[in-house]
Amino acid sequence: MFEILPVNEDTSILALKVSGKLTDADYRQFLPVLEEMIRKVGRISLYIELKDFEGWEVKAAWDDLRFDLQHDDDFKRIAVVADRPLIRAVTGFVNFFSHIEMRFFDNNETDAAWDWLRESTQVNESSEPVQLYKNILLPTDFSVYSDMAAKRALQIARQYGAGLHVLHAVEDYTYYNEAYDPVIASIPLPDDFHMVQADEHMQKFCERNGLGEDVDVKTQWGRPKRSIILWAQQKNCDLIVMGSHGRHGVGRLLGSVSSAVLHKALCDVLIVKR
């Protein structure tokens, strides 16, 4: 039979004493109580004290295992206190099929069992909440893929009240024609030509994507991969938002750039596919 024991300190722990031989009728009476507690409290831990325990009827054993498997995500920890070696095997058997964290304690280790269950609760309560994004970096090569990333970055920045930084890295061997396609320069061009072009396209990029004066905009010399990672660090960015594909041209595939940033950046990276 099941007997519910009082718990004074923590409403997320249910304590039980189990004795005799468990029957299907015992489970039909007890499981609704357990499910109601899960519904009200959410994830719970179980303290199970076995006293003169004689095992399960076959159907009751399957009721037990089936409930554990169906409610795998509803339990934090289960502490089993008993003096029967059989329980060690049962605990191991259930752990084999279930992800529930279960531990066996001898009868003289009840304090340790309670400490272990409370430890789980304290860890959950002391866990820091997920931090909001404060600084978002939007790298751009002025392509349609960067436009899609800009819309997503602006949405996230507004949602979190975060600062938005837009970066374009200028490489000295490319320039942009009126169709916004990078072309390998066939003749040497002065450095200021590249930078003037980049500034013009940055202005158009911001205008068509609704990026206002409150957005920090930067064009600089450098390789995109390295520039993005370093700029994110300098601006203390906690999120980088970028497109999954970029312009076609030697060394200008934003797809390869996004892959490198994804693996090397120290902050979260969101790759916008469409």
C-alpha atoms as a PDB file:
ATOM      1  CA  MET A   1       0.000   0.000   0.000  1.00  0.00           C
ATOM      2  CA  PHE A   2       0.976   3.646  -0.422  1.00  0.00           C
ATOM      3  CA  GLU A   3       1.065   6.041   2.514  1.00  0.00           C
ATOM      4  CA  ILE A   4       1.757   9.729   1.929  1.00  0.00           C
ATOM      5  CA  LEU A   5       4.185  11.197   4.480  1.00  0.00           C
ATOM      6  CA  PRO A   6       4.126  14.858   5.562  1.00  0.00           C
ATOM      7  CA  VAL A   7       6.705  17.201   4.041  1.00  0.00           C
ATOM      8  CA  ASN A   8       7.076  20.517   5.825  1.00  0.00           C
ATOM      9  CA  GLU A   9       9.690  22.345   3.806  1.00  0.00           C
ATOM     10  CA  ASP A  10       9.206  21.780   0.099  1.00  0.00           C
ATOM     11  CA  THR A  11       5.929  21.451  -1.779  1.00  0.00           C
ATOM     12  CA  SER A  12       7.737  20.047  -4.833  1.00  0.00           C
ATOM     13  CA  ILE A  13       8.750  16.872  -2.959  1.00  0.00           C
ATOM     14  CA  LEU A  14       6.240  14.068  -2.406  1.00  0.00           C
ATOM     15  CA  ALA A  15       7.173  11.584   0.334  1.00  0.00           C
ATOM     16  CA  LEU A  16       5.751   8.063   0.362  1.00  0.00           C
ATOM     17  CA  LYS A  17       5.948   4.978   2.514  1.00  0.00           C
ATOM     18  CA  VAL A  18       5.381   1.783   0.557  1.00  0.00           C
ATOM     19  CA  SER A  19       4.691  -1.486   2.361  1.00  0.00           C
ATOM     20  CA  GLY A  20       3.371  -4.955   1.666  1.00  0.00           C
ATOM     21  CA  LYS A  21       2.757  -6.157  -1.871  1.00  0.00           C
ATOM     22  CA  LEU A  22       1.578  -3.504  -4.297  1.00  0.00           C
ATOM     23  CA  THR A  23      -1.516  -4.327  -6.298  1.00  0.00           C
ATOM     24  CA  ASP A  24      -3.174  -2.831  -9.331  1.00  0.00           C
ATOM     25  CA  ALA A  25      -5.850  -1.445  -6.992  1.00  0.00           C
ATOM     26  CA  ASP A  26      -3.166   0.387  -4.983  1.00  0.00           C
ATOM     27  CA  TYR A  27      -1.956   2.101  -8.165  1.00  0.00           C
ATOM     28  CA  ARG A  28      -5.452   3.001  -9.341  1.00  0.00           C
ATOM     29  CA  GLN A  29      -5.984   4.769  -6.015  1.00  0.00           C
ATOM     30  CA  PHE A  30      -2.589   6.463  -5.782  1.00  0.00           C
ATOM     31  CA  LEU A  31      -1.696   7.530  -9.340  1.00  0.00           C
ATOM     32  CA  PRO A  32      -4.496  10.135  -9.671  1.00  0.00           C
ATOM     33  CA  VAL A  33      -3.136  11.821  -6.526  1.00  0.00           C
ATOM     34  CA  LEU A  34       0.344  11.881  -8.022  1.00  0.00           C
ATOM     35  CA  GLU A  35      -0.884  13.214 -11.363  1.00  0.00           C
ATOM     36  CA  GLU A  36      -2.856  15.971  -9.635  1.00  0.00           C
ATOM     37  CA  MET A  37       0.269  17.105  -7.780  1.00  0.00           C
ATOM     38  CA  ILE A  38       2.237  17.174 -11.034  1.00  0.00           C
ATOM     39  CA  ARG A  39      -0.532  19.241 -12.620  1.00  0.00           C
ATOM     40  CA  LYS A  40      -0.466  21.788  -9.784  1.00  0.00           C
ATOM     41  CA  VAL A  41       3.255  21.970  -8.994  1.00  0.00           C
ATOM     42  CA  GLY A  42       4.970  20.966 -12.215  1.00  0.00           C
ATOM     43  CA  ARG A  43       8.120  18.864 -11.996  1.00  0.00           C
ATOM     44  CA  ILE A  44       8.446  17.122  -8.625  1.00  0.00           C
ATOM     45  CA  SER A  45      10.817  14.862  -6.718  1.00  0.00           C
ATOM     46  CA  LEU A  46       9.828  11.661  -4.909  1.00  0.00           C
ATOM     47  CA  TYR A  47      11.026  10.306  -1.585  1.00  0.00           C
ATOM     48  CA  ILE A  48      10.050   6.620  -1.427  1.00  0.00           C
ATOM     49  CA  GLU A  49      10.585   4.701   1.806  1.00  0.00           C
ATOM     50  CA  LEU A  50      10.095   0.949   1.469  1.00  0.00           C
ATOM     51  CA  LYS A  51       9.027  -0.737   4.717  1.00  0.00           C
ATOM     52  CA  ASP A  52       8.361  -4.494   4.818  1.00  0.00           C
ATOM     53  CA  PHE A  53       8.028  -4.272   1.082  1.00  0.00           C
ATOM     54  CA  GLU A  54       7.050  -7.520  -0.637  1.00  0.00           C
ATOM     55  CA  GLY A  55       7.183  -6.439  -4.256  1.00  0.00           C
ATOM     56  CA  TRP A  56       4.538  -5.982  -6.920  1.00  0.00           C
ATOM     57  CA  GLU A  57       1.839  -7.971  -8.536  1.00  0.00           C
ATOM     58  CA  VAL A  58       2.708  -8.390 -12.212  1.00  0.00           C
ATOM     59  CA  LYS A  59       0.108  -5.887 -13.423  1.00  0.00           C
ATOM     60  CA  ALA A  60       1.086  -3.432 -10.701  1.00  0.00           C
ATOM     61  CA  ALA A  61       4.741  -3.666 -11.738  1.00  0.00           C
ATOM     62  CA  TRP A  62       3.829  -2.749 -15.293  1.00  0.00           C
ATOM     63  CA  ASP A  63       1.591   0.071 -14.025  1.00  0.00           C
ATOM     64  CA  ASP A  64       4.630   1.429 -12.180  1.00  0.00           C
ATOM     65  CA  LEU A  65       6.999   1.205 -15.120  1.00  0.00           C
ATOM     66  CA  ARG A  66       4.449   2.551 -17.604  1.00  0.00           C
ATOM     67  CA  PHE A  67       3.739   5.593 -15.421  1.00  0.00           C
ATOM     68  CA  ASP A  68       7.464   6.313 -15.052  1.00  0.00           C
ATOM     69  CA  LEU A  69       7.974   6.197 -18.805  1.00  0.00           C
ATOM     70  CA  GLN A  70       4.922   8.343 -19.588  1.00  0.00           C
ATOM     71  CA  HIS A  71       5.911  10.990 -17.030  1.00  0.00           C
ATOM     72  CA  ASP A  72       9.644  10.895 -17.666  1.00  0.00           C
ATOM     73  CA  ASP A  73       9.890  14.701 -17.838  1.00  0.00           C
ATOM     74  CA  ASP A  74       7.718  15.351 -14.773  1.00  0.00           C
ATOM     75  CA  PHE A  75      10.215  14.128 -12.168  1.00  0.00           C
ATOM     76  CA  LYS A  76      13.412  15.829 -11.061  1.00  0.00           C
ATOM     77  CA  ARG A  77      14.771  13.088  -8.817  1.00  0.00           C
ATOM     78  CA  ILE A  78      13.549   9.940  -7.089  1.00  0.00           C
ATOM     79  CA  ALA A  79      15.184   8.751  -3.867  1.00  0.00           C
ATOM     80  CA  VAL A  80      14.445   5.153  -2.835  1.00  0.00           C
ATOM     81  CA  VAL A  81      15.180   4.210   0.788  1.00  0.00           C
ATOM     82  CA  ALA A  82      15.150   0.481   1.605  1.00  0.00           C
ATOM     83  CA  ASP A  83      17.187  -2.424   2.921  1.00  0.00           C
ATOM     84  CA  ARG A  84      16.351  -4.917   0.198  1.00  0.00           C
ATOM     85  CA  PRO A  85      19.096  -5.675  -2.363  1.00  0.00           C
ATOM     86  CA  LEU A  86      16.302  -6.271  -4.861  1.00  0.00           C
ATOM     87  CA  ILE A  87      15.558  -2.564  -4.950  1.00  0.00           C
ATOM     88  CA  ARG A  88      19.017  -1.801  -6.322  1.00  0.00           C
ATOM     89  CA  ALA A  89      18.242  -3.992  -9.301  1.00  0.00           C
ATOM     90  CA  VAL A  90      14.802  -2.401  -9.758  1.00  0.00           C
ATOM     91  CA  THR A  91      16.313   1.078  -9.609  1.00  0.00           C
ATOM     92  CA  GLY A  92      18.882   0.128 -12.217  1.00  0.00           C
ATOM     93  CA  PHE A  93      16.187  -1.457 -14.386  1.00  0.00           C
ATOM     94  CA  VAL A  94      14.028   1.664 -14.394  1.00  0.00           C
ATOM     95  CA  ASN A  95      17.072   3.879 -15.026  1.00  0.00           C
ATOM     96  CA  PHE A  96      17.833   1.799 -18.094  1.00  0.00           C
ATOM     97  CA  PHE A  97      14.487   2.720 -19.691  1.00  0.00           C
ATOM     98  CA  SER A  98      13.966   6.163 -18.180  1.00  0.00           C
ATOM     99  CA  HIS A  99      15.864   9.444 -17.955  1.00  0.00           C
ATOM    100  CA  ILE A 100      14.590  10.116 -14.429  1.00  0.00           C
ATOM    101  CA  GLU A 101      17.485  10.602 -12.021  1.00  0.00           C
ATOM    102  CA  MET A 102      16.996   7.880  -9.392  1.00  0.00           C
ATOM    103  CA  ARG A 103      19.233   6.917  -6.486  1.00  0.00           C
ATOM    104  CA  PHE A 104      19.116   4.135  -3.868  1.00  0.00           C
ATOM    105  CA  PHE A 105      19.790   4.791  -0.170  1.00  0.00           C
ATOM    106  CA  ASP A 106      20.026   2.332   2.711  1.00  0.00           C
ATOM    107  CA  ASN A 107      17.639   2.676   5.635  1.00  0.00           C
ATOM    108  CA  ASN A 108      20.270   4.451   7.710  1.00  0.00           C
ATOM    109  CA  GLU A 109      20.812   7.067   4.971  1.00  0.00           C
ATOM    110  CA  THR A 110      17.479   8.879   5.113  1.00  0.00           C
ATOM    111  CA  ASP A 111      19.136  12.242   5.825  1.00  0.00           C
ATOM    112  CA  ALA A 112      21.369  11.800   2.795  1.00  0.00           C
ATOM    113  CA  ALA A 113      18.324  10.987   0.673  1.00  0.00           C
ATOM    114  CA  TRP A 114      16.542  14.165   1.763  1.00  0.00           C
ATOM    115  CA  ASP A 115      19.671  16.256   1.233  1.00  0.00           C
ATOM    116  CA  TRP A 116      19.986  14.877  -2.280  1.00  0.00           C
ATOM    117  CA  LEU A 117      16.376  15.745  -3.122  1.00  0.00           C
ATOM    118  CA  ARG A 118      16.633  19.237  -1.630  1.00  0.00           C
ATOM    119  CA  GLU A 119      19.860  19.795  -3.526  1.00  0.00           C
ATOM    120  CA  SER A 120      17.941  19.427  -6.785  1.00  0.00           C
ATOM    121  CA  THR A 121      15.376  22.001  -5.652  1.00  0.00           C
ATOM    122  CA  GLN A 122      18.029  24.473  -4.492  1.00  0.00           C
ATOM    123  CA  VAL A 123      19.914  24.205  -7.768  1.00  0.00           C
ATOM    124  CA  ASN A 124      16.750  24.981  -9.721  1.00  0.00           C
ATOM    125  CA  GLU A 125      15.829  27.918  -7.491  1.00  0.00           C
ATOM    126  CA  SER A 126      19.309  29.430  -7.559  1.00  0.00           C
ATOM    127  CA  SER A 127      19.765  29.091 -11.307  1.00  0.00           C
ATOM    128  CA  GLU A 128      20.181  32.469 -12.931  1.00  0.00           C
ATOM    129  CA  PRO A 129      17.377  33.486 -15.284  1.00  0.00           C
ATOM    130  CA  VAL A 130      18.113  33.611 -18.977  1.00  0.00           C
ATOM    131  CA  GLN A 131      19.800  36.919 -19.702  1.00  0.00           C
ATOM    132  CA  LEU A 132      18.200  39.265 -22.201  1.00  0.00           C
ATOM    133  CA  TYR A 133      20.206  40.297 -25.237  1.00  0.00           C
ATOM    134  CA  LYS A 134      21.795  43.721 -24.785  1.00  0.00           C
ATOM    135  CA  ASN A 135      23.944  44.192 -27.881  1.00  0.00           C
ATOM    136  CA  ILE A 136      23.232  42.657 -31.285  1.00  0.00           C
ATOM    137  CA  LEU A 137      25.634  42.646 -34.214  1.00  0.00           C
ATOM    138  CA  LEU A 138      24.304  42.554 -37.775  1.00  0.00           C
ATOM    139  CA  PRO A 139      27.073  41.889 -40.318  1.00  0.00           C
ATOM    140  CA  THR A 140      26.071  42.780 -43.868  1.00  0.00           C
ATOM    141  CA  ASP A 141      27.342  42.426 -47.408  1.00  0.00           C
ATOM    142  CA  PHE A 142      24.294  44.386 -48.688  1.00  0.00           C
ATOM    143  CA  SER A 143      22.770  41.276 -50.302  1.00  0.00           C
ATOM    144  CA  VAL A 144      19.147  40.146 -50.120  1.00  0.00           C
ATOM    145  CA  TYR A 145      20.238  37.621 -47.485  1.00  0.00           C
ATOM    146  CA  SER A 146      21.549  40.444 -45.345  1.00  0.00           C
ATOM    147  CA  ASP A 147      18.225  42.237 -45.827  1.00  0.00           C
ATOM    148  CA  MET A 148      16.405  39.234 -44.385  1.00  0.00           C
ATOM    149  CA  ALA A 149      18.841  39.085 -41.474  1.00  0.00           C
ATOM    150  CA  ALA A 150      18.331  42.823 -40.878  1.00  0.00           C
ATOM    151  CA  LYS A 151      14.595  42.395 -40.431  1.00  0.00           C
ATOM    152  CA  ARG A 152      15.151  39.624 -37.896  1.00  0.00           C
ATOM    153  CA  ALA A 153      17.871  41.535 -36.038  1.00  0.00           C
ATOM    154  CA  LEU A 154      15.687  44.634 -35.799  1.00  0.00           C
ATOM    155  CA  GLN A 155      12.784  42.556 -34.492  1.00  0.00           C
ATOM    156  CA  ILE A 156      14.948  40.991 -31.773  1.00  0.00           C
ATOM    157  CA  ALA A 157      16.509  44.336 -30.836  1.00  0.00           C
ATOM    158  CA  ARG A 158      13.070  45.866 -30.333  1.00  0.00           C
ATOM    159  CA  GLN A 159      11.861  42.834 -28.395  1.00  0.00           C
ATOM    160  CA  TYR A 160      14.743  42.994 -25.907  1.00  0.00           C
ATOM    161  CA  GLY A 161      15.435  46.720 -26.006  1.00  0.00           C
ATOM    162  CA  ALA A 162      18.936  45.886 -27.211  1.00  0.00           C
ATOM    163  CA  GLY A 163      21.455  48.024 -29.041  1.00  0.00           C
ATOM    164  CA  LEU A 164      21.944  47.164 -32.708  1.00  0.00           C
ATOM    165  CA  HIS A 165      25.327  47.387 -34.438  1.00  0.00           C
ATOM    166  CA  VAL A 166      25.690  47.038 -38.215  1.00  0.00           C
ATOM    167  CA  LEU A 167      29.074  46.126 -39.674  1.00  0.00           C
ATOM    168  CA  HIS A 168      30.423  45.845 -43.204  1.00  0.00           C
ATOM    169  CA  ALA A 169      33.997  44.727 -43.776  1.00  0.00           C
ATOM    170  CA  VAL A 170      35.599  46.252 -46.872  1.00  0.00           C
ATOM    171  CA  GLU A 171      38.071  44.134 -48.797  1.00  0.00           C
ATOM    172  CA  ASP A 172      40.431  45.995 -51.087  1.00  0.00           C
ATOM    173  CA  TYR A 173      39.968  43.780 -54.138  1.00  0.00           C
ATOM    174  CA  THR A 174      36.207  44.106 -54.666  1.00  0.00           C
ATOM    175  CA  TYR A 175      33.810  46.830 -55.621  1.00  0.00           C
ATOM    176  CA  TYR A 176      30.045  46.915 -56.197  1.00  0.00           C
ATOM    177  CA  ASN A 177      28.218  47.698 -59.394  1.00  0.00           C
ATOM    178  CA  GLU A 178      24.722  49.146 -59.535  1.00  0.00           C
ATOM    179  CA  ALA A 179      23.195  45.655 -59.122  1.00  0.00           C
ATOM    180  CA  TYR A 180      24.999  45.269 -55.794  1.00  0.00           C
ATOM    181  CA  ASP A 181      27.204  42.448 -57.055  1.00  0.00           C
ATOM    182  CA  PRO A 182      30.837  42.278 -56.018  1.00  0.00           C
ATOM    183  CA  VAL A 183      33.212  42.108 -58.909  1.00  0.00           C
ATOM    184  CA  ILE A 184      36.883  41.303 -58.917  1.00  0.00           C
ATOM    185  CA  ALA A 185      38.598  44.548 -59.826  1.00  0.00           C
ATOM    186  CA  SER A 186      40.466  44.214 -63.114  1.00  0.00           C
ATOM    187  CA  ILE A 187      42.422  47.395 -62.507  1.00  0.00           C
ATOM    188  CA  PRO A 188      43.798  48.845 -59.297  1.00  0.00           C
ATOM    189  CA  LEU A 189      41.405  51.250 -57.586  1.00  0.00           C
ATOM    190  CA  PRO A 190      42.247  53.762 -54.862  1.00  0.00           C
ATOM    191  CA  ASP A 191      41.374  52.804 -51.312  1.00  0.00           C
ATOM    192  CA  ASP A 192      39.018  55.722 -50.823  1.00  0.00           C
ATOM    193  CA  PHE A 193      36.959  54.508 -53.804  1.00  0.00           C
ATOM    194  CA  HIS A 194      36.195  51.243 -52.024  1.00  0.00           C
ATOM    195  CA  MET A 195      35.323  52.975 -48.776  1.00  0.00           C
ATOM    196  CA  VAL A 196      33.115  55.590 -50.444  1.00  0.00           C
ATOM    197  CA  GLN A 197      31.236  52.823 -52.258  1.00  0.00           C
ATOM    198  CA  ALA A 198      30.815  50.872 -49.036  1.00  0.00           C
ATOM    199  CA  ASP A 199      29.485  53.929 -47.193  1.00  0.00           C
ATOM    200  CA  GLU A 200      26.971  54.617 -49.966  1.00  0.00           C
ATOM    201  CA  HIS A 201      25.697  51.061 -49.981  1.00  0.00           C
ATOM    202  CA  MET A 202      25.553  51.018 -46.186  1.00  0.00           C
ATOM    203  CA  GLN A 203      23.312  54.089 -46.258  1.00  0.00           C
ATOM    204  CA  LYS A 204      20.984  52.467 -48.800  1.00  0.00           C
ATOM    205  CA  PHE A 205      20.992  49.218 -46.804  1.00  0.00           C
ATOM    206  CA  CYS A 206      19.919  51.027 -43.627  1.00  0.00           C
ATOM    207  CA  GLU A 207      17.231  53.024 -45.435  1.00  0.00           C
ATOM    208  CA  ARG A 208      15.547  50.056 -47.103  1.00  0.00           C
ATOM    209  CA  ASN A 209      15.585  48.014 -43.893  1.00  0.00           C
ATOM    210  CA  GLY A 210      14.294  50.743 -41.592  1.00  0.00           C
ATOM    211  CA  LEU A 211      17.476  51.055 -39.540  1.00  0.00           C
ATOM    212  CA  GLY A 212      17.322  54.452 -37.865  1.00  0.00           C
ATOM    213  CA  GLU A 213      19.809  56.852 -36.345  1.00  0.00           C
ATOM    214  CA  ASP A 214      19.842  54.897 -33.091  1.00  0.00           C
ATOM    215  CA  VAL A 215      21.650  52.065 -34.890  1.00  0.00           C
ATOM    216  CA  ASP A 216      25.449  51.992 -34.644  1.00  0.00           C
ATOM    217  CA  VAL A 217      26.814  51.691 -38.203  1.00  0.00           C
ATOM    218  CA  LYS A 218      30.398  50.857 -39.130  1.00  0.00           C
ATOM    219  CA  THR A 219      32.311  50.209 -42.348  1.00  0.00           C
ATOM    220  CA  GLN A 220      35.919  49.167 -41.945  1.00  0.00           C
ATOM    221  CA  TRP A 221      38.768  47.479 -43.749  1.00  0.00           C
ATOM    222  CA  GLY A 222      39.246  43.799 -43.113  1.00  0.00           C
ATOM    223  CA  ARG A 223      38.334  40.214 -43.834  1.00  0.00           C
ATOM    224  CA  PRO A 224      34.666  39.593 -42.959  1.00  0.00           C
ATOM    225  CA  LYS A 225      35.249  36.524 -40.783  1.00  0.00           C
ATOM    226  CA  ARG A 226      37.867  38.113 -38.573  1.00  0.00           C
ATOM    227  CA  SER A 227      36.210  41.541 -38.529  1.00  0.00           C
ATOM    228  CA  ILE A 228      32.848  40.177 -37.396  1.00  0.00           C
ATOM    229  CA  ILE A 229      34.297  38.150 -34.539  1.00  0.00           C
ATOM    230  CA  LEU A 230      36.550  40.981 -33.312  1.00  0.00           C
ATOM    231  CA  TRP A 231      33.838  43.635 -33.607  1.00  0.00           C
ATOM    232  CA  ALA A 232      31.410  41.483 -31.642  1.00  0.00           C
ATOM    233  CA  GLN A 233      33.973  41.255 -28.846  1.00  0.00           C
ATOM    234  CA  GLN A 234      34.755  44.973 -28.891  1.00  0.00           C
ATOM    235  CA  LYS A 235      31.087  45.922 -28.695  1.00  0.00           C
ATOM    236  CA  ASN A 236      30.309  43.254 -26.067  1.00  0.00           C
ATOM    237  CA  CYS A 237      27.702  41.754 -28.369  1.00  0.00           C
ATOM    238  CA  ASP A 238      25.788  38.785 -26.992  1.00  0.00           C
ATOM    239  CA  LEU A 239      24.106  37.926 -30.308  1.00  0.00           C
ATOM    240  CA  ILE A 240      25.187  37.966 -33.948  1.00  0.00           C
ATOM    241  CA  VAL A 241      22.442  37.829 -36.592  1.00  0.00           C
ATOM    242  CA  MET A 242      23.471  37.134 -40.175  1.00  0.00           C
ATOM    243  CA  GLY A 243      22.301  35.630 -43.445  1.00  0.00           C
ATOM    244  CA  SER A 244      23.055  32.099 -44.516  1.00  0.00           C
ATOM    245  CA  HIS A 245      24.178  32.947 -48.054  1.00  0.00           C
ATOM    246  CA  GLY A 246      25.867  35.951 -49.514  1.00  0.00           C
ATOM    247  CA  ARG A 247      27.243  37.406 -52.666  1.00  0.00           C
ATOM    248  CA  HIS A 248      28.961  35.325 -55.267  1.00  0.00           C
ATOM    249  CA  GLY A 249      32.583  36.189 -55.710  1.00  0.00           C
ATOM    250  CA  VAL A 250      35.972  35.059 -54.521  1.00  0.00           C
ATOM    251  CA  GLY A 251      36.171  35.238 -50.750  1.00  0.00           C
ATOM    252  CA  ARG A 252      32.750  36.919 -50.453  1.00  0.00           C
ATOM    253  CA  LEU A 253      30.428  33.999 -49.855  1.00  0.00           C
ATOM    254  CA  LEU A 254      28.563  34.977 -46.728  1.00  0.00           C
ATOM    255  CA  GLY A 255      27.655  31.317 -46.372  1.00  0.00           C
ATOM    256  CA  SER A 256      31.268  30.446 -45.614  1.00  0.00           C
ATOM    257  CA  VAL A 257      31.588  33.540 -43.434  1.00  0.00           C
ATOM    258  CA  SER A 258      28.508  32.625 -41.391  1.00  0.00           C
ATOM    259  CA  SER A 259      29.854  29.111 -40.924  1.00  0.00           C
ATOM    260  CA  ALA A 260      33.166  30.435 -39.601  1.00  0.00           C
ATOM    261  CA  VAL A 261      31.456  32.920 -37.289  1.00  0.00           C
ATOM    262  CA  LEU A 262      29.113  30.223 -35.997  1.00  0.00           C
ATOM    263  CA  HIS A 263      32.066  28.095 -34.885  1.00  0.00           C
ATOM    264  CA  LYS A 264      34.395  30.824 -33.597  1.00  0.00           C
ATOM    265  CA  ALA A 265      32.211  33.542 -32.079  1.00  0.00           C
ATOM    266  CA  LEU A 266      32.081  33.774 -28.286  1.00  0.00           C
ATOM    267  CA  CYS A 267      28.400  34.758 -28.245  1.00  0.00           C
ATOM    268  CA  ASP A 268      25.139  33.388 -29.634  1.00  0.00           C
ATOM    269  CA  VAL A 269      24.846  33.313 -33.418  1.00  0.00           C
ATOM    270  CA  LEU A 270      21.548  33.315 -35.320  1.00  0.00           C
ATOM    271  CA  ILE A 271      21.736  32.307 -38.980  1.00  0.00           C
ATOM    272  CA  VAL A 272      18.688  33.559 -40.905  1.00  0.00           C
ATOM    273  CA  LYS A 273      17.955  31.262 -43.836  1.00  0.00           C
ATOM    274  CA  ARG A 274      15.001  33.076 -45.350  1.00  0.00           C
END
